[in-house]
Protein backbone atom coordinates (compact mmCIF):
# COMPACT_ATOMS: atom_id res chain seq x y z
CA MET A 1 272.78 62.24 124.24
CA ASN A 2 273.32 58.84 125.84
CA THR A 3 270.60 58.41 128.48
CA GLU A 4 271.52 54.91 129.63
CA LYS A 5 273.71 55.94 132.54
CA TYR A 6 273.27 58.30 135.46
CA GLY A 7 274.86 61.70 135.11
CA MET A 8 274.39 65.15 133.63
CA GLY A 9 274.26 66.47 130.08
CA ILE A 10 273.63 69.83 128.46
CA GLU A 11 271.44 70.91 125.57
CA MET A 12 271.63 74.48 124.30
CA GLU A 13 270.17 76.27 121.30
CA GLY A 14 272.13 78.90 119.44
CA PHE A 15 271.76 81.36 116.57
CA ILE A 16 273.73 81.36 113.33
CA MET A 17 274.97 84.94 113.13
CA LYS A 18 276.94 87.21 110.83
CA GLU A 19 277.99 90.67 112.01
CA GLY A 20 275.30 90.73 114.71
CA SER A 21 272.40 89.63 112.51
CA ALA A 22 270.84 86.22 111.97
CA LYS A 23 272.00 84.42 108.84
CA GLU A 24 268.94 82.75 107.31
CA LEU A 25 270.60 81.24 104.21
CA ILE A 26 274.10 80.11 103.27
CA GLU A 27 274.67 79.36 99.60
CA ASP A 28 270.87 79.65 99.14
CA ILE A 29 270.34 76.75 101.58
CA PRO A 30 268.74 77.09 105.05
CA SER A 31 271.74 77.80 107.27
CA SER A 32 271.03 74.96 109.70
CA GLU A 33 270.73 72.50 106.82
CA TRP A 34 273.91 73.87 105.23
CA ILE A 35 275.83 73.07 108.43
CA LEU A 36 274.48 69.52 108.60
CA ARG A 37 275.36 68.91 104.95
CA LYS A 38 278.94 70.06 105.59
CA ILE A 39 279.22 67.84 108.66
CA LEU A 40 277.99 64.80 106.73
CA ASN A 41 280.01 65.49 103.57
CA GLU A 42 283.21 66.01 105.54
CA LYS A 43 282.55 63.02 107.84
CA LEU A 44 283.07 65.08 110.99
CA ASN A 45 281.02 62.76 113.26
CA LEU A 46 279.09 65.65 114.78
CA GLU A 47 275.60 64.91 113.48
CA GLN A 48 274.55 63.07 116.67
CA TYR A 49 275.31 66.20 118.69
CA ILE A 50 273.15 68.67 116.75
CA SER A 51 269.50 68.98 115.84
CA PHE A 52 267.27 71.43 113.99
CA GLU A 53 264.77 73.75 115.61
CA GLN A 54 262.00 75.41 113.57
CA ALA A 55 263.86 78.29 111.90
CA SER A 56 266.95 78.12 109.69
CA VAL A 57 268.82 80.58 111.91
CA MET A 58 268.92 78.12 114.82
CA LEU A 59 270.78 74.99 115.83
CA GLU A 60 270.64 72.91 119.01
CA VAL A 61 273.87 71.45 120.39
CA LYS A 62 273.85 68.63 122.94
CA SER A 63 276.50 66.87 124.99
CA ASP A 64 276.86 63.29 126.13
CA VAL A 65 276.02 62.33 129.71
CA PHE A 66 278.86 62.70 132.21
CA GLU A 67 279.29 62.08 135.92
CA ASN A 68 281.20 65.37 136.13
CA GLU A 69 279.43 68.45 134.77
CA ARG A 70 282.72 70.12 133.83
CA GLU A 71 283.16 67.45 131.16
CA ALA A 72 279.70 68.25 129.75
CA ILE A 73 280.55 71.96 129.63
CA ALA A 74 283.88 71.28 127.93
CA GLN A 75 282.23 69.03 125.33
CA ILE A 76 279.41 71.38 124.38
CA LEU A 77 281.87 74.24 123.91
CA GLU A 78 284.16 71.98 121.88
CA ILE A 79 281.25 70.96 119.61
CA ARG A 80 280.34 74.62 119.09
CA ASN A 81 283.98 75.38 118.29
CA ASP A 82 283.98 72.62 115.64
CA ILE A 83 280.75 74.02 114.14
CA ASN A 84 282.24 77.50 114.13
CA LYS A 85 285.26 76.28 112.19
CA ILE A 86 282.78 75.44 109.41
CA LEU A 87 280.74 78.64 109.79
CA ASN A 88 283.82 80.86 109.90
CA ARG A 89 284.45 80.02 106.24
CA LYS A 90 281.36 82.13 105.51
CA GLY A 91 282.09 84.80 108.11
CA CYS A 92 279.44 83.36 110.45
CA GLU A 93 279.38 81.93 113.97
CA LEU A 94 277.03 80.08 116.31
CA MET A 95 276.13 82.23 119.31
CA PHE A 96 274.44 80.96 122.46
CA GLN A 97 272.01 83.74 123.41
CA PRO A 98 268.28 83.69 124.30
CA VAL A 99 266.77 85.88 121.55
CA LEU A 100 267.72 87.80 118.43
CA GLU A 101 268.15 91.53 118.88
CA ARG A 102 267.52 92.25 115.19
CA ASP A 103 264.56 91.13 113.10
CA PHE A 104 264.98 88.26 110.63
CA ASP A 105 263.15 86.31 107.94
CA PHE A 106 261.56 83.08 109.18
CA ILE A 107 262.82 80.34 106.84
CA PRO A 108 262.27 76.65 107.66
CA ALA A 109 265.27 74.87 109.19
CA THR A 110 265.13 72.22 106.49
CA SER A 111 264.06 72.14 102.85
CA ASN A 112 262.20 68.86 103.54
CA LYS A 113 258.57 69.72 102.83
CA ASP A 114 257.37 66.74 104.92
CA SER A 115 258.97 68.17 108.05
CA ARG A 116 257.04 69.45 111.08
CA VAL A 117 258.22 73.01 110.46
CA TYR A 118 256.63 73.05 107.01
CA GLN A 119 253.39 71.84 108.59
CA LEU A 120 253.60 74.71 111.10
CA ILE A 121 254.08 77.24 108.34
CA GLU A 122 251.10 75.77 106.51
CA GLU A 123 249.06 76.05 109.72
CA TRP A 124 250.25 79.44 111.01
CA GLY A 125 251.89 81.27 108.12
CA ASN A 126 248.75 82.67 106.47
CA THR A 127 247.86 85.20 109.17
CA GLU A 128 249.75 87.98 110.94
CA LYS A 129 249.02 86.32 114.29
CA GLY A 130 250.36 83.01 113.00
CA LYS A 131 253.51 84.61 111.62
CA LYS A 132 254.13 86.19 115.01
CA LEU A 133 253.72 82.80 116.70
CA LEU A 134 256.31 81.34 114.33
CA LYS A 135 258.78 84.03 115.33
CA ASP A 136 258.02 83.36 119.00
CA THR A 137 259.44 79.83 118.48
CA VAL A 138 262.83 81.40 117.75
CA ILE A 139 264.22 81.41 121.29
CA ALA A 140 267.20 79.68 122.89
CA SER A 141 267.62 78.14 126.33
CA LEU A 142 270.16 76.18 128.33
CA GLN A 143 268.62 72.84 129.34
CA ILE A 144 270.37 70.84 132.04
CA ASN A 145 269.52 67.14 131.87
CA ASP A 146 270.28 65.49 135.19
CA SER A 147 269.34 61.88 135.96
CA ARG A 148 271.31 61.69 139.22
CA PRO A 149 268.29 62.59 141.41
CA PHE A 150 266.62 59.34 140.24
CA GLN A 151 269.63 57.11 140.88
CA ASN A 152 268.07 55.33 143.88
CA ALA A 153 264.48 55.36 142.64
CA ASN A 154 263.86 51.73 141.68
CA SER A 155 260.06 51.74 141.43
CA LEU A 156 257.46 53.80 139.58
CA ASP A 157 256.04 55.11 142.86
CA LYS A 158 259.45 56.38 143.98
CA LYS A 159 260.11 57.98 140.60
CA LEU A 160 256.75 59.75 140.68
CA GLU A 161 257.34 60.93 144.25
CA LEU A 162 260.68 62.41 143.16
CA ALA A 163 259.12 63.96 140.05
CA PHE A 164 256.50 65.61 142.30
CA LYS A 165 259.20 67.04 144.59
CA ILE A 166 261.29 68.25 141.66
CA HIS A 167 258.35 69.98 139.96
CA ASN A 168 257.44 71.73 143.18
CA LEU A 169 261.03 72.86 143.78
CA TYR A 170 261.33 74.49 140.35
CA SER A 171 257.92 76.13 140.77
CA LYS A 172 258.76 77.42 144.25
CA TYR A 173 262.03 79.00 143.12
CA PHE A 174 261.05 79.98 139.57
CA GLU A 175 260.71 83.73 140.19
CA GLU A 176 263.99 83.85 142.09
CA LEU A 177 265.91 81.98 139.38
CA ASN A 178 264.23 83.87 136.54
CA LYS A 179 265.89 87.06 137.81
CA PHE A 180 269.08 85.81 136.18
CA ASN A 181 267.35 85.69 132.78
CA GLY A 182 266.21 88.45 130.46
CA LYS A 183 269.40 90.47 130.14
CA ILE A 184 269.00 90.29 126.34
CA LYS A 185 265.71 91.36 124.74
CA ASP A 186 264.59 90.89 121.15
CA PHE A 187 263.76 93.46 118.47
CA ASP A 188 260.28 93.90 120.03
CA GLY A 189 261.74 94.43 123.51
CA LYS A 190 260.70 90.95 124.72
CA THR A 191 262.65 88.39 126.73
CA ARG A 192 262.76 84.69 125.92
CA ILE A 193 260.33 83.97 128.78
CA GLU A 194 257.86 86.58 127.51
CA LYS A 195 258.01 85.17 123.98
CA ILE A 196 257.54 81.53 124.99
CA THR A 197 254.72 82.52 127.37
CA ASN A 198 252.88 84.22 124.53
CA LEU A 199 253.40 81.19 122.28
CA LEU A 200 252.44 78.43 124.69
CA VAL A 201 249.40 80.17 126.21
CA GLU A 202 248.00 80.42 122.69
CA VAL A 203 248.82 76.79 121.87
CA LYS A 204 247.75 75.20 125.17
CA LYS A 205 244.71 77.17 126.40
CA GLU A 206 241.96 75.12 124.73
CA VAL A 207 243.28 71.68 125.60
CA PHE A 208 243.97 72.63 129.24
CA ALA A 209 240.40 73.88 129.67
CA LYS A 210 239.23 70.35 128.77
CA TYR A 211 241.00 69.07 131.90
CA GLY A 212 239.50 71.67 134.23
CA ILE A 213 242.58 73.91 134.14
CA ASN A 214 241.10 77.23 133.01
CA ASP A 215 244.18 79.36 133.60
CA PRO A 216 246.40 78.63 130.56
CA LEU A 217 249.45 79.95 132.44
CA LYS A 218 249.21 76.78 134.54
CA ALA A 219 250.47 74.85 131.49
CA LEU A 220 253.73 76.78 131.69
CA LEU A 221 253.91 77.61 135.38
CA PRO A 222 251.97 74.90 137.19
CA GLY A 223 252.75 76.14 140.67
CA GLU A 224 253.29 73.70 143.51
CA PHE A 225 251.16 70.57 143.05
CA THR A 226 249.17 69.49 146.09
CA ASP A 227 249.70 65.80 145.35
CA ILE A 228 250.95 63.35 142.73
CA GLU A 229 247.50 62.95 141.17
CA GLU A 230 247.32 66.67 140.42
CA MET A 231 250.73 66.45 138.76
CA LYS A 232 249.61 63.47 136.68
CA ASN A 233 246.46 65.34 135.59
CA TRP A 234 248.65 68.24 134.45
CA MET A 235 250.79 65.79 132.45
CA LYS A 236 247.65 64.24 130.90
CA ALA A 237 246.44 67.68 129.84
CA HIS A 238 249.70 68.36 128.03
CA SER A 239 249.27 65.16 126.02
CA ASP A 240 245.47 65.45 125.79
CA VAL A 241 244.95 61.86 127.00
CA ASP A 242 242.74 60.27 129.64
CA ASN A 243 245.29 57.78 131.01
CA PHE A 244 248.63 58.69 132.54
CA GLU A 245 250.21 55.67 130.83
CA ASP A 246 249.47 57.33 127.47
CA THR A 247 251.23 60.60 128.28
CA ASN A 248 254.24 61.69 126.25
CA CYS A 249 256.67 63.82 128.23
CA LYS A 250 257.83 65.51 125.01
CA ASN A 251 254.56 67.50 125.16
CA GLU A 252 255.22 68.94 128.63
CA HIS A 253 256.48 72.43 127.78
CA ALA A 254 256.65 73.99 131.23
CA LEU A 255 258.92 76.98 131.82
CA THR A 256 260.16 75.29 134.98
CA VAL A 257 261.15 71.66 134.47
CA LYS A 258 260.35 68.57 132.42
CA ILE A 259 260.62 65.02 133.72
CA LYS A 260 261.75 62.83 130.84
CA ARG A 261 260.09 59.46 131.40
CA ASP A 262 260.48 57.85 127.97
CA GLN A 263 263.46 55.69 128.95
CA ALA A 264 264.35 53.42 131.88
CA ILE A 265 266.39 56.14 133.56
CA TRP A 266 264.26 59.20 134.24
CA ILE A 267 265.78 62.64 133.72
CA CYS A 268 265.13 66.03 135.27
CA GLU A 269 265.44 68.64 132.50
CA SER A 270 265.58 72.28 133.62
CA ARG A 271 263.61 74.60 131.32
CA LEU A 272 263.93 78.03 132.89
CA PHE A 273 267.45 79.20 132.01
CA ASP A 274 268.33 81.45 129.07
CA ALA A 275 271.06 80.32 126.69
CA VAL A 276 274.42 81.85 127.66
CA ASN A 277 277.55 82.22 125.60
CA THR A 278 280.56 81.76 127.89
CA GLU A 279 282.01 78.96 129.98
CA SER A 280 281.77 80.97 133.20
CA GLU A 281 278.07 81.74 132.58
CA ILE A 282 277.29 78.06 131.95
CA GLU A 283 279.17 77.11 135.12
CA GLU A 284 277.21 79.68 137.14
CA ILE A 285 273.85 78.38 135.94
CA ILE A 286 274.75 74.74 136.53
CA LYS A 287 275.81 75.63 140.07
CA LYS A 288 272.43 77.31 140.64
CA ASN A 289 270.68 74.21 139.28
CA ASN A 290 272.76 71.86 141.44
CA ASP A 291 272.00 73.97 144.50
CA LEU A 292 268.29 73.75 143.73
CA LEU A 293 268.31 69.97 143.28
CA SER A 294 270.23 69.57 146.53
CA LYS A 295 267.04 70.68 148.31
CA ILE A 296 265.13 67.52 147.31
């Protein structure tokens, strides 16, 4: 995703499916890796638009940045269509949905043993609790990346003031917007939000306590910050650093919003919406997100 111009882009995870079940392996290769190999071997120029998640049954698709969101929607659906032309050869398809309704085997997304997912399996895969945490990573969301709110913010102070307002907006309206999620539940009867809450509370609770935030849910649902300093402290806790300048926004796994600050143009990335499978559903969610950001 090109982040060097103002506009909007979409990222969405999906599941590699066959007849309603996740497809963990294709030709004895992790399914996500199999797709990438086909893309590279056939020189389809799609590799910059996809990325691996943790499990082999998943793939993330991302668009470029556009001034008009309809172009972003059209592109992400076109990329999925191109991927499905490959998957259809094996009777499979990539589906944009929040969770898997049938159980599956957790297989790493890549056979590279130096990858982060192999490290996670080494860390978590030896206990029943750890195995459950691994499966809780297998969730899919629609992330709207919008840099347009920062278009006139030409100083760090103005960017931080906008980030503060954006965080508080998503927190204020989280419960209302979350009502549109959760129509699909997994094989344990859990929604995407319930699964990621279970995962991140477990991962974040100790480090947040170090920063005086004893309710681990605050990592995911920070509520409305009272001031910019409180927001910065929350960001420091996510990165486990003492100085705001050392924070890494990639660590900020809120269920509401992330402010991507690792490039000149800052980006507001929505985190609360479930993955959805049709053009009309994507359009509806983007409209909700645009309406929310219009309140800044």
